[in-house]
C-alpha cells in the first residue's frame, strides 16, 4: 500500500515539474516576442526616416515647381 503522504508529495512534485516546464516555455516565448518587437521597431524607425526624407523632397520639389511654372509660360494645348 502506498502511503497517502508519499502519494500527495509525488503529485505535488509532478505538478511543480509541469509548472516549471510551462514557465520555461513562456520565458522562451516572451524572449522571441521581444525580438520581434525590437525588429519591428527598427523597421518603423527606418520607415519614419524615409517618410520624413520623402516629405522634405516633395516639399522642395513643390516649392521649386511653383516658382518655375507660371501659367503665362505654358504653351496652349493645341501646340
PDB file of N, CA and C in Angstrom:
ATOM      1  N   UNK A   1       0.817  -1.183   0.000  1.00  0.00           N
ATOM      2  CA  UNK A   1       0.000   0.000   0.000  1.00  0.00           C
ATOM      3  C   UNK A   1       0.866   1.253   0.000  1.00  0.00           C
ATOM      4  N   UNK A   2       0.414   2.212  -0.748  1.00  0.00           N
ATOM      5  CA  UNK A   2       1.169   3.457  -0.778  1.00  0.00           C
ATOM      6  C   UNK A   2       0.724   4.355   0.360  1.00  0.00           C
ATOM      7  N   UNK A   3       1.696   5.013   0.819  1.00  0.00           N
ATOM      8  CA  UNK A   3       1.454   5.962   1.887  1.00  0.00           C
ATOM      9  C   UNK A   3       0.758   7.187   1.300  1.00  0.00           C
ATOM     10  N   UNK A   4      -0.325   7.670   1.907  1.00  0.00           N
ATOM     11  CA  UNK A   4      -1.038   8.845   1.372  1.00  0.00           C
ATOM     12  C   UNK A   4      -0.143  10.083   1.308  1.00  0.00           C
ATOM     13  N   UNK A   5       0.783  10.185   2.246  1.00  0.00           N
ATOM     14  CA  UNK A   5       1.686  11.329   2.243  1.00  0.00           C
ATOM     15  C   UNK A   5       2.635  11.257   1.050  1.00  0.00           C
ATOM     16  N   UNK A   6       3.148  10.058   0.759  1.00  0.00           N
ATOM     17  CA  UNK A   6       4.029   9.873  -0.393  1.00  0.00           C
ATOM     18  C   UNK A   6       3.281  10.161  -1.692  1.00  0.00           C
ATOM     19  N   UNK A   7       2.070   9.700  -1.786  1.00  0.00           N
ATOM     20  CA  UNK A   7       1.257   9.933  -2.980  1.00  0.00           C
ATOM     21  C   UNK A   7       1.013  11.426  -3.189  1.00  0.00           C
ATOM     22  N   UNK A   8       0.707  12.110  -2.108  1.00  0.00           N
ATOM     23  CA  UNK A   8       0.461  13.548  -2.182  1.00  0.00           C
ATOM     24  C   UNK A   8       1.736  14.292  -2.576  1.00  0.00           C
ATOM     25  N   UNK A   9       2.869  13.881  -2.031  1.00  0.00           N
ATOM     26  CA  UNK A   9       4.146  14.517  -2.363  1.00  0.00           C
ATOM     27  C   UNK A   9       4.525  14.248  -3.818  1.00  0.00           C
ATOM     28  N   UNK A  10       4.245  13.054  -4.301  1.00  0.00           N
ATOM     29  CA  UNK A  10       4.540  12.717  -5.688  1.00  0.00           C
ATOM     30  C   UNK A  10       3.709  13.575  -6.632  1.00  0.00           C
ATOM     31  N   UNK A  11       2.425  13.717  -6.334  1.00  0.00           N
ATOM     32  CA  UNK A  11       1.550  14.559  -7.158  1.00  0.00           C
ATOM     33  C   UNK A  11       2.015  16.014  -7.126  1.00  0.00           C
ATOM     34  N   UNK A  12       2.414  16.478  -5.956  1.00  0.00           N
ATOM     35  CA  UNK A  12       2.885  17.839  -5.813  1.00  0.00           C
ATOM     36  C   UNK A  12       4.171  18.045  -6.618  1.00  0.00           C
ATOM     37  N   UNK A  13       5.068  17.073  -6.571  1.00  0.00           N
ATOM     38  CA  UNK A  13       6.319  17.152  -7.324  1.00  0.00           C
ATOM     39  C   UNK A  13       6.039  17.165  -8.830  1.00  0.00           C
ATOM     40  N   UNK A  14       5.142  16.315  -9.288  1.00  0.00           N
ATOM     41  CA  UNK A  14       4.791  16.283 -10.708  1.00  0.00           C
ATOM     42  C   UNK A  14       4.196  17.615 -11.156  1.00  0.00           C
ATOM     43  N   UNK A  15       3.355  18.172 -10.315  1.00  0.00           N
ATOM     44  CA  UNK A  15       2.735  19.459 -10.639  1.00  0.00           C
ATOM     45  C   UNK A  15       3.794  20.568 -10.711  1.00  0.00           C
ATOM     46  N   UNK A  16       4.742  20.525  -9.784  1.00  0.00           N
ATOM     47  CA  UNK A  16       5.808  21.511  -9.770  1.00  0.00           C
ATOM     48  C   UNK A  16       6.675  21.408 -11.030  1.00  0.00           C
ATOM     49  N   UNK A  17       6.984  20.194 -11.446  1.00  0.00           N
ATOM     50  CA  UNK A  17       7.773  19.990 -12.663  1.00  0.00           C
ATOM     51  C   UNK A  17       7.003  20.525 -13.871  1.00  0.00           C
ATOM     52  N   UNK A  18       5.710  20.246 -13.911  1.00  0.00           N
ATOM     53  CA  UNK A  18       4.874  20.730 -15.013  1.00  0.00           C
ATOM     54  C   UNK A  18       4.855  22.260 -15.056  1.00  0.00           C
ATOM     55  N   UNK A  19       4.710  22.890 -13.904  1.00  0.00           N
ATOM     56  CA  UNK A  19       4.702  24.346 -13.850  1.00  0.00           C
ATOM     57  C   UNK A  19       6.050  24.927 -14.267  1.00  0.00           C
ATOM     58  N   UNK A  20       7.135  24.301 -13.866  1.00  0.00           N
ATOM     59  CA  UNK A  20       8.467  24.767 -14.258  1.00  0.00           C
ATOM     60  C   UNK A  20       8.649  24.677 -15.775  1.00  0.00           C
ATOM     61  N   UNK A  21       8.126  23.617 -16.374  1.00  0.00           N
ATOM     62  CA  UNK A  21       8.213  23.471 -17.829  1.00  0.00           C
ATOM     63  C   UNK A  21       7.396  24.558 -18.525  1.00  0.00           C
ATOM     64  N   UNK A  22       6.220  24.835 -18.001  1.00  0.00           N
ATOM     65  CA  UNK A  22       5.386  25.884 -18.596  1.00  0.00           C
ATOM     66  C   UNK A  22       6.057  27.248 -18.484  1.00  0.00           C
ATOM     67  N   UNK A  23       6.678  27.516 -17.345  1.00  0.00           N
ATOM     68  CA  UNK A  23       7.379  28.791 -17.160  1.00  0.00           C
ATOM     69  C   UNK A  23       8.535  28.897 -18.149  1.00  0.00           C
ATOM     70  N   UNK A  24       9.262  27.813 -18.350  1.00  0.00           N
ATOM     71  CA  UNK A  24      10.374  27.815 -19.289  1.00  0.00           C
ATOM     72  C   UNK A  24       9.887  28.118 -20.702  1.00  0.00           C
ATOM     73  N   UNK A  25       8.802  27.500 -21.105  1.00  0.00           N
ATOM     74  CA  UNK A  25       8.237  27.759 -22.436  1.00  0.00           C
ATOM     75  C   UNK A  25       7.755  29.205 -22.555  1.00  0.00           C
ATOM     76  N   UNK A  26       7.119  29.715 -21.504  1.00  0.00           N
ATOM     77  CA  UNK A  26       6.646  31.097 -21.531  1.00  0.00           C
ATOM     78  C   UNK A  26       7.812  32.078 -21.618  1.00  0.00           C
ATOM     79  N   UNK A  27       8.896  31.788 -20.901  1.00  0.00           N
ATOM     80  CA  UNK A  27      10.066  32.666 -20.964  1.00  0.00           C
ATOM     81  C   UNK A  27      10.653  32.683 -22.377  1.00  0.00           C
ATOM     82  N   UNK A  28      10.698  31.525 -23.011  1.00  0.00           N
ATOM     83  CA  UNK A  28      11.206  31.459 -24.383  1.00  0.00           C
ATOM     84  C   UNK A  28      10.301  32.247 -25.324  1.00  0.00           C
ATOM     85  N   UNK A  29       8.993  32.084 -25.154  1.00  0.00           N
ATOM     86  CA  UNK A  29       8.041  32.797 -25.996  1.00  0.00           C
ATOM     87  C   UNK A  29       8.163  34.308 -25.810  1.00  0.00           C
ATOM     88  N   UNK A  30       8.285  34.748 -24.571  1.00  0.00           N
ATOM     89  CA  UNK A  30       8.431  36.176 -24.298  1.00  0.00           C
ATOM     90  C   UNK A  30       9.723  36.697 -24.930  1.00  0.00           C
ATOM     91  N   UNK A  31      10.787  35.938 -24.842  1.00  0.00           N
ATOM     92  CA  UNK A  31      12.048  36.334 -25.474  1.00  0.00           C
ATOM     93  C   UNK A  31      11.912  36.445 -26.982  1.00  0.00           C
ATOM     94  N   UNK A  32      11.238  35.477 -27.593  1.00  0.00           N
ATOM     95  CA  UNK A  32      11.016  35.517 -29.045  1.00  0.00           C
ATOM     96  C   UNK A  32      10.177  36.728 -29.435  1.00  0.00           C
ATOM     97  N   UNK A  33       9.121  36.980 -28.685  1.00  0.00           N
ATOM     98  CA  UNK A  33       8.258  38.123 -28.972  1.00  0.00           C
ATOM     99  C   UNK A  33       9.007  39.437 -28.785  1.00  0.00           C
ATOM    100  N   UNK A  34       9.880  39.492 -27.803  1.00  0.00           N
ATOM    101  CA  UNK A  34      10.683  40.682 -27.583  1.00  0.00           C
ATOM    102  C   UNK A  34      11.564  40.973 -28.799  1.00  0.00           C
ATOM    103  N   UNK A  35      12.153  39.928 -29.363  1.00  0.00           N
ATOM    104  CA  UNK A  35      12.979  40.107 -30.554  1.00  0.00           C
ATOM    105  C   UNK A  35      12.146  40.599 -31.741  1.00  0.00           C
ATOM    106  N   UNK A  36      10.941  40.081 -31.880  1.00  0.00           N
ATOM    107  CA  UNK A  36      10.065  40.518 -32.964  1.00  0.00           C
ATOM    108  C   UNK A  36       9.703  41.992 -32.798  1.00  0.00           C
ATOM    109  N   UNK A  37       9.383  42.378 -31.573  1.00  0.00           N
ATOM    110  CA  UNK A  37       9.016  43.776 -31.313  1.00  0.00           C
ATOM    111  C   UNK A  37      10.201  44.698 -31.598  1.00  0.00           C
ATOM    112  N   UNK A  38      11.395  44.304 -31.176  1.00  0.00           N
ATOM    113  CA  UNK A  38      12.586  45.120 -31.450  1.00  0.00           C
ATOM    114  C   UNK A  38      12.825  45.256 -32.956  1.00  0.00           C
ATOM    115  N   UNK A  39      12.670  44.166 -33.675  1.00  0.00           N
ATOM    116  CA  UNK A  39      12.858  44.190 -35.124  1.00  0.00           C
ATOM    117  C   UNK A  39      11.829  45.104 -35.784  1.00  0.00           C
ATOM    118  N   UNK A  40      10.586  45.003 -35.361  1.00  0.00           N
ATOM    119  CA  UNK A  40       9.538  45.843 -35.938  1.00  0.00           C
ATOM    120  C   UNK A  40       9.768  47.317 -35.606  1.00  0.00           C
ATOM    121  N   UNK A  41      10.272  47.599 -34.404  1.00  0.00           N
ATOM    122  CA  UNK A  41      10.538  48.982 -34.043  1.00  0.00           C
ATOM    123  C   UNK A  41      11.643  49.561 -34.925  1.00  0.00           C
ATOM    124  N   UNK A  42      12.649  48.754 -35.231  1.00  0.00           N
ATOM    125  CA  UNK A  42      13.710  49.207 -36.129  1.00  0.00           C
ATOM    126  C   UNK A  42      13.145  49.509 -37.512  1.00  0.00           C
ATOM    127  N   UNK A  43      12.238  48.645 -37.984  1.00  0.00           N
ATOM    128  CA  UNK A  43      11.616  48.878 -39.288  1.00  0.00           C
ATOM    129  C   UNK A  43      10.768  50.147 -39.262  1.00  0.00           C
ATOM    130  N   UNK A  44      10.033  50.351 -38.197  1.00  0.00           N
ATOM    131  CA  UNK A  44       9.198  51.550 -38.073  1.00  0.00           C
ATOM    132  C   UNK A  44      10.066  52.795 -38.077  1.00  0.00           C
ATOM    133  N   UNK A  45      11.174  52.759 -37.336  1.00  0.00           N
ATOM    134  CA  UNK A  45      12.077  53.909 -37.297  1.00  0.00           C
ATOM    135  C   UNK A  45      12.652  54.202 -38.683  1.00  0.00           C
ATOM    136  N   UNK A  46      13.052  53.156 -39.389  1.00  0.00           N
ATOM    137  CA  UNK A  46      13.609  53.335 -40.737  1.00  0.00           C
ATOM    138  C   UNK A  46      12.551  53.912 -41.676  1.00  0.00           C
ATOM    139  N   UNK A  47      11.339  53.404 -41.594  1.00  0.00           N
ATOM    140  CA  UNK A  47      10.260  53.915 -42.446  1.00  0.00           C
ATOM    141  C   UNK A  47       9.915  55.365 -42.098  1.00  0.00           C
ATOM    142  N   UNK A  48       9.959  55.712 -40.823  1.00  0.00           N
ATOM    143  CA  UNK A  48       9.676  57.092 -40.421  1.00  0.00           C
ATOM    144  C   UNK A  48      10.738  58.035 -40.979  1.00  0.00           C
ATOM    145  N   UNK A  49      12.011  57.609 -40.934  1.00  0.00           N
ATOM    146  CA  UNK A  49      13.079  58.437 -41.508  1.00  0.00           C
ATOM    147  C   UNK A  49      12.892  58.579 -43.019  1.00  0.00           C
ATOM    148  N   UNK A  50      12.547  57.483 -43.670  1.00  0.00           N
ATOM    149  CA  UNK A  50      12.336  57.516 -45.117  1.00  0.00           C
ATOM    150  C   UNK A  50      11.156  58.411 -45.484  1.00  0.00           C
ATOM    151  N   UNK A  51      10.091  58.321 -44.716  1.00  0.00           N
ATOM    152  CA  UNK A  51       8.921  59.163 -44.962  1.00  0.00           C
ATOM    153  C   UNK A  51       9.261  60.630 -44.765  1.00  0.00           C
ATOM    154  N   UNK A  52      10.000  60.922 -43.728  1.00  0.00           N
ATOM    155  CA  UNK A  52      10.402  62.304 -43.475  1.00  0.00           C
ATOM    156  C   UNK A  52      11.245  62.844 -44.626  1.00  0.00           C
ATOM    157  N   UNK A  53      12.177  62.034 -45.114  1.00  0.00           N
ATOM    158  CA  UNK A  53      13.008  62.459 -46.244  1.00  0.00           C
ATOM    159  C   UNK A  53      12.154  62.662 -47.488  1.00  0.00           C
ATOM    160  N   UNK A  54      11.197  61.785 -47.721  1.00  0.00           N
ATOM    161  CA  UNK A  54      10.318  61.906 -48.888  1.00  0.00           C
ATOM    162  C   UNK A  54       9.466  63.165 -48.802  1.00  0.00           C
ATOM    163  N   UNK A  55       8.950  63.434 -47.620  1.00  0.00           N
ATOM    164  CA  UNK A  55       8.141  64.649 -47.429  1.00  0.00           C
ATOM    165  C   UNK A  55       8.990  65.887 -47.684  1.00  0.00           C
ATOM    166  N   UNK A  56      10.220  65.868 -47.200  1.00  0.00           N
ATOM    167  CA  UNK A  56      11.121  67.011 -47.442  1.00  0.00           C
ATOM    168  C   UNK A  56      11.402  67.175 -48.925  1.00  0.00           C
ATOM    169  N   UNK A  57      11.643  66.072 -49.617  1.00  0.00           N
ATOM    170  CA  UNK A  57      11.893  66.137 -51.058  1.00  0.00           C
ATOM    171  C   UNK A  57      10.671  66.662 -51.801  1.00  0.00           C
ATOM    172  N   UNK A  58       9.512  66.183 -51.422  1.00  0.00           N
ATOM    173  CA  UNK A  58       8.281  66.627 -52.078  1.00  0.00           C
ATOM    174  C   UNK A  58       8.051  68.117 -51.830  1.00  0.00           C
ATOM    175  N   UNK A  59       8.358  68.570 -50.626  1.00  0.00           N
ATOM    176  CA  UNK A  59       8.180  69.985 -50.312  1.00  0.00           C
ATOM    177  C   UNK A  59       9.140  70.837 -51.129  1.00  0.00           C
ATOM    178  N   UNK A  60      10.371  70.378 -51.270  1.00  0.00           N
ATOM    179  CA  UNK A  60      11.339  71.169 -52.047  1.00  0.00           C
ATOM    180  C   UNK A  60      10.995  71.140 -53.532  1.00  0.00           C
ATOM    181  N   UNK A  61      10.512  70.005 -54.008  1.00  0.00           N
ATOM    182  CA  UNK A  61      10.092  69.925 -55.411  1.00  0.00           C
ATOM    183  C   UNK A  61       8.864  70.801 -55.640  1.00  0.00           C
ATOM    184  N   UNK A  62       7.939  70.759 -54.702  1.00  0.00           N
ATOM    185  CA  UNK A  62       6.719  71.554 -54.819  1.00  0.00           C
ATOM    186  C   UNK A  62       7.004  73.037 -54.816  1.00  0.00           C
ATOM    187  N   UNK A  63       7.889  73.471 -53.945  1.00  0.00           N
ATOM    188  CA  UNK A  63       8.195  74.901 -53.898  1.00  0.00           C
ATOM    189  C   UNK A  63       9.009  75.331 -55.110  1.00  0.00           C
ATOM    190  N   UNK A  64       9.910  74.474 -55.561  1.00  0.00           N
ATOM    191  CA  UNK A  64      10.696  74.803 -56.758  1.00  0.00           C
ATOM    192  C   UNK A  64       9.803  74.790 -57.992  1.00  0.00           C
ATOM    193  N   UNK A  65       8.893  73.837 -58.066  1.00  0.00           N
ATOM    194  CA  UNK A  65       7.995  73.746 -59.216  1.00  0.00           C
ATOM    195  C   UNK A  65       7.026  74.903 -59.269  1.00  0.00           C
ATOM    196  N   UNK A  66       6.606  75.395 -58.124  1.00  0.00           N
ATOM    197  CA  UNK A  66       5.663  76.505 -58.089  1.00  0.00           C
ATOM    198  C   UNK A  66       6.324  77.785 -58.595  1.00  0.00           C
ATOM    199  N   UNK A  67       7.612  77.941 -58.368  1.00  0.00           N
ATOM    200  CA  UNK A  67       8.305  79.143 -58.809  1.00  0.00           C
ATOM    201  C   UNK A  67       8.601  79.092 -60.304  1.00  0.00           C
ATOM    202  N   UNK A  68       8.887  77.922 -60.824  1.00  0.00           N
ATOM    203  CA  UNK A  68       9.279  77.785 -62.220  1.00  0.00           C
ATOM    204  C   UNK A  68       8.068  77.838 -63.138  1.00  0.00           C
ATOM    205  N   UNK A  69       7.004  77.190 -62.778  1.00  0.00           N
ATOM    206  CA  UNK A  69       5.832  77.125 -63.649  1.00  0.00           C
ATOM    207  C   UNK A  69       4.912  78.321 -63.432  1.00  0.00           C
ATOM    208  N   UNK A  70       4.714  79.049 -64.498  1.00  0.00           N
ATOM    209  CA  UNK A  70       3.770  80.155 -64.476  1.00  0.00           C
ATOM    210  C   UNK A  70       2.781  79.917 -65.602  1.00  0.00           C
ATOM    211  N   UNK A  71       1.532  80.220 -65.397  1.00  0.00           N
ATOM    212  CA  UNK A  71       0.537  79.973 -66.447  1.00  0.00           C
ATOM    213  C   UNK A  71       0.868  80.675 -67.764  1.00  0.00           C
ATOM    214  N   UNK A  72       1.429  81.861 -67.712  1.00  0.00           N
ATOM    215  CA  UNK A  72       1.725  82.575 -68.962  1.00  0.00           C
ATOM    216  C   UNK A  72       2.898  81.955 -69.714  1.00  0.00           C
ATOM    217  N   UNK A  73       3.726  81.139 -69.032  1.00  0.00           N
ATOM    218  CA  UNK A  73       4.845  80.486 -69.680  1.00  0.00           C
ATOM    219  C   UNK A  73       4.459  79.172 -70.376  1.00  0.00           C
ATOM    220  N   UNK A  74       3.294  78.646 -70.045  1.00  0.00           N
ATOM    221  CA  UNK A  74       2.889  77.362 -70.621  1.00  0.00           C
ATOM    222  C   UNK A  74       2.349  77.554 -72.026  1.00  0.00           C
ATOM    223  N   UNK A  75       2.582  76.549 -72.851  1.00  0.00           N
ATOM    224  CA  UNK A  75       2.083  76.588 -74.230  1.00  0.00           C
ATOM    225  C   UNK A  75       0.595  76.215 -74.221  1.00  0.00           C
ATOM    226  N   UNK A  76      -0.146  76.772 -75.137  1.00  0.00           N
ATOM    227  CA  UNK A  76      -1.555  76.386 -75.262  1.00  0.00           C
ATOM    228  C   UNK A  76      -1.663  74.906 -75.641  1.00  0.00           C
ATOM    229  N   UNK A  77      -2.770  74.264 -75.337  1.00  0.00           N
ATOM    230  CA  UNK A  77      -2.925  72.841 -75.592  1.00  0.00           C
ATOM    231  C   UNK A  77      -2.834  72.433 -77.051  1.00  0.00           C
ATOM    232  N   UNK A  78      -3.116  73.334 -77.998  1.00  0.00           N
ATOM    233  CA  UNK A  78      -3.084  72.954 -79.421  1.00  0.00           C
ATOM    234  C   UNK A  78      -1.669  72.909 -79.998  1.00  0.00           C
ATOM    235  N   UNK A  79      -0.652  73.255 -79.248  1.00  0.00           N
ATOM    236  CA  UNK A  79       0.718  73.177 -79.747  1.00  0.00           C
ATOM    237  C   UNK A  79       1.321  71.854 -79.456  1.00  0.00           C
TER     238      UNK A  79
END
